[in-house]
Amino acid sequence: MATIAVTDATFEQDVLNAGKPVLLDFWAQWCGPCKMIGPVLEEISGERDDIIIAKMDIDENPETPMKFGVRSIPTILIFKDGEAVATTMGAKPKAQLSSWIDEAVGAAAA
């Protein structure tokens, strides 16, 4: 499964009403760490079917990041059942991101 692009207009449908947990990466074209983490998220997306990996360009979609208090990027949130259940910031290695996802999805399911 490839990552999906989410906009302010599609946020509710694509993230809040998704049938499974969603990892949402808030990013921008000009952000170096965002460019570093992008391929890692693509890789994770291809390996997992228990979570949807989504990206939102904060320059094109200012409303949603503001709602969730995004002040620096990359900021990554995991949503489960319409609720933000975990947050992390900054570029991280794949192993660390995968572990964080496992914890968040497991904790959200408990």
C-alpha atoms as a PDB file:
ATOM      1  CA  MET A   1       0.000   0.000   0.000  1.00  0.00           C
ATOM      2  CA  ALA A   2       1.387   3.404  -0.922  1.00  0.00           C
ATOM      3  CA  THR A   3       1.129   6.509   1.197  1.00  0.00           C
ATOM      4  CA  ILE A   4      -1.926   8.665   0.578  1.00  0.00           C
ATOM      5  CA  ALA A   5      -2.107  12.448   0.343  1.00  0.00           C
ATOM      6  CA  VAL A   6      -4.597  14.015   2.757  1.00  0.00           C
ATOM      7  CA  THR A   7      -5.956  17.552   2.529  1.00  0.00           C
ATOM      8  CA  ASP A   8      -7.965  19.726   4.903  1.00  0.00           C
ATOM      9  CA  ALA A   9     -11.017  18.790   2.797  1.00  0.00           C
ATOM     10  CA  THR A  10     -10.402  15.016   2.954  1.00  0.00           C
ATOM     11  CA  PHE A  11      -9.046  14.805   6.522  1.00  0.00           C
ATOM     12  CA  GLU A  12     -12.291  13.685   8.157  1.00  0.00           C
ATOM     13  CA  GLN A  13     -12.977  10.972   5.578  1.00  0.00           C
ATOM     14  CA  ASP A  14      -9.374   9.760   5.091  1.00  0.00           C
ATOM     15  CA  VAL A  15      -8.185   9.935   8.696  1.00  0.00           C
ATOM     16  CA  LEU A  16     -10.959  10.263  11.273  1.00  0.00           C
ATOM     17  CA  ASN A  17     -13.344   7.846   9.533  1.00  0.00           C
ATOM     18  CA  ALA A  18     -10.735   5.377   8.289  1.00  0.00           C
ATOM     19  CA  GLY A  19     -11.406   1.739   9.074  1.00  0.00           C
ATOM     20  CA  LYS A  20      -7.968   1.260  10.634  1.00  0.00           C
ATOM     21  CA  PRO A  21      -5.301   3.350  12.371  1.00  0.00           C
ATOM     22  CA  VAL A  22      -3.775   6.169  10.322  1.00  0.00           C
ATOM     23  CA  LEU A  23      -0.260   7.575  10.640  1.00  0.00           C
ATOM     24  CA  LEU A  24      -0.387  11.194   9.424  1.00  0.00           C
ATOM     25  CA  ASP A  25       2.885  12.909   8.529  1.00  0.00           C
ATOM     26  CA  PHE A  26       2.694  16.722   8.533  1.00  0.00           C
ATOM     27  CA  TRP A  27       5.404  17.897   6.113  1.00  0.00           C
ATOM     28  CA  ALA A  28       6.437  20.561   3.579  1.00  0.00           C
ATOM     29  CA  GLN A  29       8.475  20.592   0.349  1.00  0.00           C
ATOM     30  CA  TRP A  30      11.148  22.868   1.848  1.00  0.00           C
ATOM     31  CA  CYS A  31      11.709  20.712   4.961  1.00  0.00           C
ATOM     32  CA  GLY A  32      14.967  18.711   4.886  1.00  0.00           C
ATOM     33  CA  PRO A  33      14.073  16.244   7.673  1.00  0.00           C
ATOM     34  CA  CYS A  34      10.668  15.715   5.987  1.00  0.00           C
ATOM     35  CA  LYS A  35      12.448  14.650   2.797  1.00  0.00           C
ATOM     36  CA  MET A  36      14.593  12.247   4.833  1.00  0.00           C
ATOM     37  CA  ILE A  37      11.621  10.566   6.510  1.00  0.00           C
ATOM     38  CA  GLY A  38       9.452  10.335   3.364  1.00  0.00           C
ATOM     39  CA  PRO A  39      11.172   7.240   1.883  1.00  0.00           C
ATOM     40  CA  VAL A  40      11.153   5.551   5.310  1.00  0.00           C
ATOM     41  CA  LEU A  41       7.385   6.034   5.568  1.00  0.00           C
ATOM     42  CA  GLU A  42       6.951   4.720   1.999  1.00  0.00           C
ATOM     43  CA  GLU A  43       8.920   1.623   2.957  1.00  0.00           C
ATOM     44  CA  ILE A  44       6.866   1.067   6.120  1.00  0.00           C
ATOM     45  CA  SER A  45       3.687   1.570   4.081  1.00  0.00           C
ATOM     46  CA  GLY A  46       4.737  -1.234   1.743  1.00  0.00           C
ATOM     47  CA  GLU A  47       5.407  -3.595   4.643  1.00  0.00           C
ATOM     48  CA  ARG A  48       2.323  -3.089   6.802  1.00  0.00           C
ATOM     49  CA  ASP A  49      -1.367  -3.441   6.155  1.00  0.00           C
ATOM     50  CA  ASP A  50      -2.502  -2.753   9.721  1.00  0.00           C
ATOM     51  CA  ILE A  51      -2.066   1.025   9.384  1.00  0.00           C
ATOM     52  CA  ILE A  52      -2.642   3.628   6.676  1.00  0.00           C
ATOM     53  CA  ILE A  53       0.341   5.927   6.049  1.00  0.00           C
ATOM     54  CA  ALA A  54      -0.769   9.417   5.021  1.00  0.00           C
ATOM     55  CA  LYS A  55       0.943  12.754   4.381  1.00  0.00           C
ATOM     56  CA  MET A  56      -0.355  16.313   4.613  1.00  0.00           C
ATOM     57  CA  ASP A  57       1.484  19.283   3.105  1.00  0.00           C
ATOM     58  CA  ILE A  58       1.143  22.008   5.743  1.00  0.00           C
ATOM     59  CA  ASP A  59       1.683  24.823   3.223  1.00  0.00           C
ATOM     60  CA  GLU A  60      -1.285  23.715   1.132  1.00  0.00           C
ATOM     61  CA  ASN A  61      -3.425  22.665   4.117  1.00  0.00           C
ATOM     62  CA  PRO A  62      -2.999  25.059   7.071  1.00  0.00           C
ATOM     63  CA  GLU A  63      -6.276  24.276   8.863  1.00  0.00           C
ATOM     64  CA  THR A  64      -5.673  20.723  10.121  1.00  0.00           C
ATOM     65  CA  PRO A  65      -2.095  21.249  11.398  1.00  0.00           C
ATOM     66  CA  MET A  66      -3.351  24.284  13.347  1.00  0.00           C
ATOM     67  CA  LYS A  67      -6.115  22.168  14.947  1.00  0.00           C
ATOM     68  CA  PHE A  68      -3.531  19.709  16.239  1.00  0.00           C
ATOM     69  CA  GLY A  69      -0.985  22.293  17.382  1.00  0.00           C
ATOM     70  CA  VAL A  70       1.676  21.377  14.822  1.00  0.00           C
ATOM     71  CA  ARG A  71       4.487  23.882  15.381  1.00  0.00           C
ATOM     72  CA  SER A  72       7.420  22.090  13.779  1.00  0.00           C
ATOM     73  CA  ILE A  73       7.764  19.506  11.057  1.00  0.00           C
ATOM     74  CA  PRO A  74       7.929  16.688  10.515  1.00  0.00           C
ATOM     75  CA  THR A  75       5.272  16.025  13.127  1.00  0.00           C
ATOM     76  CA  ILE A  76       3.661  12.598  12.928  1.00  0.00           C
ATOM     77  CA  LEU A  77       0.392  11.663  14.603  1.00  0.00           C
ATOM     78  CA  ILE A  78      -1.302   8.302  14.819  1.00  0.00           C
ATOM     79  CA  PHE A  79      -5.094   8.336  14.796  1.00  0.00           C
ATOM     80  CA  LYS A  80      -7.267   5.441  15.912  1.00  0.00           C
ATOM     81  CA  ASP A  81     -11.061   5.504  15.939  1.00  0.00           C
ATOM     82  CA  GLY A  82     -11.062   9.223  15.137  1.00  0.00           C
ATOM     83  CA  GLU A  83      -8.712  10.170  17.995  1.00  0.00           C
ATOM     84  CA  ALA A  84      -5.051  11.204  17.978  1.00  0.00           C
ATOM     85  CA  VAL A  85      -3.382   8.554  20.175  1.00  0.00           C
ATOM     86  CA  ALA A  86       0.341   9.233  19.641  1.00  0.00           C
ATOM     87  CA  THR A  87       2.642  12.011  18.455  1.00  0.00           C
ATOM     88  CA  THR A  88       6.307  12.180  17.524  1.00  0.00           C
ATOM     89  CA  MET A  89       8.429  14.900  15.951  1.00  0.00           C
ATOM     90  CA  GLY A  90      11.529  14.941  13.810  1.00  0.00           C
ATOM     91  CA  ALA A  91      13.119  12.432  11.452  1.00  0.00           C
ATOM     92  CA  LYS A  92      13.739   9.041  13.008  1.00  0.00           C
ATOM     93  CA  PRO A  93      15.336   5.809  11.788  1.00  0.00           C
ATOM     94  CA  LYS A  94      13.003   3.130  10.413  1.00  0.00           C
ATOM     95  CA  ALA A  95      13.450   0.783  13.387  1.00  0.00           C
ATOM     96  CA  GLN A  96      12.541   3.538  15.833  1.00  0.00           C
ATOM     97  CA  LEU A  97       9.489   4.586  13.798  1.00  0.00           C
ATOM     98  CA  SER A  98       8.295   0.983  13.443  1.00  0.00           C
ATOM     99  CA  SER A  99       8.638   0.422  17.186  1.00  0.00           C
ATOM    100  CA  TRP A 100       6.726   3.646  17.892  1.00  0.00           C
ATOM    101  CA  ILE A 101       3.951   2.574  15.509  1.00  0.00           C
ATOM    102  CA  ASP A 102       3.741  -0.857  17.194  1.00  0.00           C
ATOM    103  CA  GLU A 103       3.459   0.774  20.628  1.00  0.00           C
ATOM    104  CA  ALA A 104       0.866   3.327  19.508  1.00  0.00           C
ATOM    105  CA  VAL A 105      -1.328   0.891  17.631  1.00  0.00           C
ATOM    106  CA  GLY A 106      -1.049  -1.677  20.428  1.00  0.00           C
ATOM    107  CA  ALA A 107      -1.738   0.907  23.125  1.00  0.00           C
ATOM    108  CA  ALA A 108      -4.662   2.268  21.120  1.00  0.00           C
ATOM    109  CA  ALA A 109      -6.125  -1.221  20.769  1.00  0.00           C
ATOM    110  CA  ALA A 110      -5.882  -1.951  24.495  1.00  0.00           C
END
